[in-house]
Amino acid sequence: GLEDDDEPLAFPLPNSQAKLLRSVAEKAPFGKGLDTVLDETVRKAWQIDAGKVHFLDPDQWQSTLQSIVSDCVSSLGMSGIQKENVRANLYKMLLYEPGGFFKKHRDTEKEPGMFGTLI
């Protein structure tokens, strides 16, 4: 759900909830070198800050997320201490409407040691 809204999001996302998300979102910029730019010929999407997103059952969310991360790092051939040190952090929630896109790119590092984005 979103901050100050107790209605859980359904999947697939119904139009009514997509409209609600868009009403609290802002256009999603992207990093270009040291700059953050907004260019809808490169990225056409909306973003919601992680601080506005909450989970009805945070423990279940963390358990599910950790399971996904574990599968991902195993698929990358990581093991032992490497695997134990990988974590996923919610940075923002993205909303891509019909026709939305993000051209092929390399993500800007959001935190030291970041090596990928989980979508």
C-alpha atoms as a PDB file:
ATOM      1  CA  GLY A   1       0.000   0.000   0.000  1.00  0.00           C
ATOM      2  CA  LEU A   2       0.882   3.638   0.008  1.00  0.00           C
ATOM      3  CA  GLU A   3       1.517   6.016   2.878  1.00  0.00           C
ATOM      4  CA  ASP A   4      -1.820   7.075   4.476  1.00  0.00           C
ATOM      5  CA  ASP A   5      -3.755   4.468   2.443  1.00  0.00           C
ATOM      6  CA  ASP A   6      -4.615   1.071   3.886  1.00  0.00           C
ATOM      7  CA  GLU A   7      -5.878  -0.466   0.655  1.00  0.00           C
ATOM      8  CA  PRO A   8      -3.510  -3.230  -0.464  1.00  0.00           C
ATOM      9  CA  LEU A   9      -2.464  -3.241  -4.104  1.00  0.00           C
ATOM     10  CA  ALA A  10      -3.877  -6.034  -6.228  1.00  0.00           C
ATOM     11  CA  PHE A  11      -1.987  -7.902  -8.921  1.00  0.00           C
ATOM     12  CA  PRO A  12      -2.643  -7.546 -11.736  1.00  0.00           C
ATOM     13  CA  LEU A  13      -3.054  -3.868 -10.932  1.00  0.00           C
ATOM     14  CA  PRO A  14      -6.578  -2.600 -11.713  1.00  0.00           C
ATOM     15  CA  ASN A  15      -6.930   0.744 -13.506  1.00  0.00           C
ATOM     16  CA  SER A  16      -8.367   2.403 -10.395  1.00  0.00           C
ATOM     17  CA  GLN A  17      -5.252   1.588  -8.386  1.00  0.00           C
ATOM     18  CA  ALA A  18      -2.952   2.522 -11.264  1.00  0.00           C
ATOM     19  CA  LYS A  19      -4.604   5.953 -11.299  1.00  0.00           C
ATOM     20  CA  LEU A  20      -4.149   6.239  -7.522  1.00  0.00           C
ATOM     21  CA  LEU A  21      -0.456   5.376  -7.844  1.00  0.00           C
ATOM     22  CA  ARG A  22       0.021   7.885 -10.640  1.00  0.00           C
ATOM     23  CA  SER A  23      -1.649  10.615  -8.578  1.00  0.00           C
ATOM     24  CA  VAL A  24       1.105  10.350  -5.936  1.00  0.00           C
ATOM     25  CA  ALA A  25       3.957   9.649  -8.369  1.00  0.00           C
ATOM     26  CA  GLU A  26       6.316  11.949 -10.195  1.00  0.00           C
ATOM     27  CA  LYS A  27       7.913  11.527 -13.593  1.00  0.00           C
ATOM     28  CA  ALA A  28      10.943   9.266 -13.304  1.00  0.00           C
ATOM     29  CA  PRO A  29      14.258  10.857 -14.241  1.00  0.00           C
ATOM     30  CA  PHE A  30      17.484   8.937 -14.816  1.00  0.00           C
ATOM     31  CA  GLY A  31      21.176   9.420 -14.180  1.00  0.00           C
ATOM     32  CA  LYS A  32      23.350  10.643 -17.019  1.00  0.00           C
ATOM     33  CA  GLY A  33      26.913  10.977 -15.844  1.00  0.00           C
ATOM     34  CA  LEU A  34      26.778  13.122 -12.720  1.00  0.00           C
ATOM     35  CA  ASP A  35      23.434  14.673 -13.707  1.00  0.00           C
ATOM     36  CA  THR A  36      19.858  13.547 -13.148  1.00  0.00           C
ATOM     37  CA  VAL A  37      17.744  14.296 -16.201  1.00  0.00           C
ATOM     38  CA  LEU A  38      14.166  13.933 -17.363  1.00  0.00           C
ATOM     39  CA  ASP A  39      13.886  12.904 -21.018  1.00  0.00           C
ATOM     40  CA  GLU A  40      10.815  10.939 -22.107  1.00  0.00           C
ATOM     41  CA  THR A  41      12.569   9.834 -25.300  1.00  0.00           C
ATOM     42  CA  VAL A  42      14.872   7.766 -23.047  1.00  0.00           C
ATOM     43  CA  ARG A  43      12.574   6.883 -20.121  1.00  0.00           C
ATOM     44  CA  LYS A  44       8.824   7.202 -19.886  1.00  0.00           C
ATOM     45  CA  ALA A  45       7.768   6.126 -16.411  1.00  0.00           C
ATOM     46  CA  TRP A  46       6.558   7.328 -13.020  1.00  0.00           C
ATOM     47  CA  GLN A  47       8.226   6.861  -9.633  1.00  0.00           C
ATOM     48  CA  ILE A  48       7.127   6.759  -6.008  1.00  0.00           C
ATOM     49  CA  ASP A  49       9.684   7.196  -3.227  1.00  0.00           C
ATOM     50  CA  ALA A  50      10.210   4.071  -1.105  1.00  0.00           C
ATOM     51  CA  GLY A  51       9.207   6.031   1.995  1.00  0.00           C
ATOM     52  CA  LYS A  52       5.645   6.218   0.668  1.00  0.00           C
ATOM     53  CA  VAL A  53       5.363   2.450   0.156  1.00  0.00           C
ATOM     54  CA  HIS A  54       4.521   0.099   3.007  1.00  0.00           C
ATOM     55  CA  PHE A  55       3.701  -3.580   3.327  1.00  0.00           C
ATOM     56  CA  LEU A  56       0.780  -5.073   5.244  1.00  0.00           C
ATOM     57  CA  ASP A  57       3.066  -7.870   6.405  1.00  0.00           C
ATOM     58  CA  PRO A  58       6.656  -6.539   6.401  1.00  0.00           C
ATOM     59  CA  ASP A  59       8.048  -9.851   7.689  1.00  0.00           C
ATOM     60  CA  GLN A  60       6.445 -11.768   4.815  1.00  0.00           C
ATOM     61  CA  TRP A  61       7.775  -9.186   2.341  1.00  0.00           C
ATOM     62  CA  GLN A  62      11.322  -9.521   3.725  1.00  0.00           C
ATOM     63  CA  SER A  63      11.113 -13.316   3.668  1.00  0.00           C
ATOM     64  CA  THR A  64       9.885 -13.347   0.050  1.00  0.00           C
ATOM     65  CA  LEU A  65      12.480 -10.787  -1.010  1.00  0.00           C
ATOM     66  CA  GLN A  66      15.302 -12.718   0.654  1.00  0.00           C
ATOM     67  CA  SER A  67      14.216 -15.878  -1.140  1.00  0.00           C
ATOM     68  CA  ILE A  68      14.297 -14.041  -4.493  1.00  0.00           C
ATOM     69  CA  VAL A  69      17.722 -12.548  -3.720  1.00  0.00           C
ATOM     70  CA  SER A  70      19.059 -15.973  -2.738  1.00  0.00           C
ATOM     71  CA  ASP A  71      17.836 -17.466  -6.028  1.00  0.00           C
ATOM     72  CA  CYS A  72      19.385 -14.590  -7.992  1.00  0.00           C
ATOM     73  CA  VAL A  73      22.820 -14.778  -6.383  1.00  0.00           C
ATOM     74  CA  SER A  74      22.888 -18.557  -6.768  1.00  0.00           C
ATOM     75  CA  SER A  75      22.098 -18.113 -10.468  1.00  0.00           C
ATOM     76  CA  LEU A  76      25.014 -15.682 -10.687  1.00  0.00           C
ATOM     77  CA  GLY A  77      27.328 -18.357  -9.295  1.00  0.00           C
ATOM     78  CA  MET A  78      27.923 -16.672  -5.947  1.00  0.00           C
ATOM     79  CA  SER A  79      28.400 -18.729  -2.819  1.00  0.00           C
ATOM     80  CA  GLY A  80      29.520 -18.511   0.797  1.00  0.00           C
ATOM     81  CA  ILE A  81      30.360 -15.061   2.128  1.00  0.00           C
ATOM     82  CA  GLN A  82      29.629 -13.399  -1.235  1.00  0.00           C
ATOM     83  CA  LYS A  83      26.083 -14.746  -1.160  1.00  0.00           C
ATOM     84  CA  GLU A  84      25.536 -13.782   2.479  1.00  0.00           C
ATOM     85  CA  ASN A  85      26.519 -10.155   1.857  1.00  0.00           C
ATOM     86  CA  VAL A  86      24.029  -9.509  -0.971  1.00  0.00           C
ATOM     87  CA  ARG A  87      20.851  -7.680  -0.037  1.00  0.00           C
ATOM     88  CA  ALA A  88      18.041  -5.881  -1.807  1.00  0.00           C
ATOM     89  CA  ASN A  89      16.808  -2.449  -0.750  1.00  0.00           C
ATOM     90  CA  LEU A  90      13.627  -0.799  -1.953  1.00  0.00           C
ATOM     91  CA  TYR A  91      14.801   2.383  -3.646  1.00  0.00           C
ATOM     92  CA  LYS A  92      11.571   3.401  -5.352  1.00  0.00           C
ATOM     93  CA  MET A  93       8.432   1.955  -6.886  1.00  0.00           C
ATOM     94  CA  LEU A  94       8.184   2.393 -10.644  1.00  0.00           C
ATOM     95  CA  LEU A  95       4.989   2.577 -12.666  1.00  0.00           C
ATOM     96  CA  TYR A  96       5.134   1.970 -16.400  1.00  0.00           C
ATOM     97  CA  GLU A  97       1.872   2.786 -18.146  1.00  0.00           C
ATOM     98  CA  PRO A  98       1.031   1.316 -21.566  1.00  0.00           C
ATOM     99  CA  GLY A  99       3.658   2.709 -23.935  1.00  0.00           C
ATOM    100  CA  GLY A 100       6.099   3.373 -21.080  1.00  0.00           C
ATOM    101  CA  PHE A 101       9.714   2.264 -21.422  1.00  0.00           C
ATOM    102  CA  PHE A 102      13.321   2.702 -20.388  1.00  0.00           C
ATOM    103  CA  LYS A 103      15.858   2.323 -23.170  1.00  0.00           C
ATOM    104  CA  LYS A 104      18.776  -0.049 -22.688  1.00  0.00           C
ATOM    105  CA  HIS A 105      21.128   1.464 -20.133  1.00  0.00           C
ATOM    106  CA  ARG A 106      23.515   0.856 -17.285  1.00  0.00           C
ATOM    107  CA  ASP A 107      22.093   1.754 -13.876  1.00  0.00           C
ATOM    108  CA  THR A 108      23.624   4.470 -11.757  1.00  0.00           C
ATOM    109  CA  GLU A 109      25.010   3.061  -8.510  1.00  0.00           C
ATOM    110  CA  LYS A 110      22.570   4.047  -5.744  1.00  0.00           C
ATOM    111  CA  GLU A 111      24.657   2.644  -2.874  1.00  0.00           C
ATOM    112  CA  PRO A 112      28.316   1.630  -2.524  1.00  0.00           C
ATOM    113  CA  GLY A 113      28.766  -1.897  -3.880  1.00  0.00           C
ATOM    114  CA  MET A 114      25.530  -1.934  -5.865  1.00  0.00           C
ATOM    115  CA  PHE A 115      25.861  -4.325  -8.785  1.00  0.00           C
ATOM    116  CA  GLY A 116      22.330  -4.807 -10.089  1.00  0.00           C
ATOM    117  CA  THR A 117      18.671  -3.893 -10.086  1.00  0.00           C
ATOM    118  CA  LEU A 118      15.916  -6.334  -9.157  1.00  0.00           C
ATOM    119  CA  ILE A 119      12.780  -5.727 -11.173  1.00  0.00           C
END
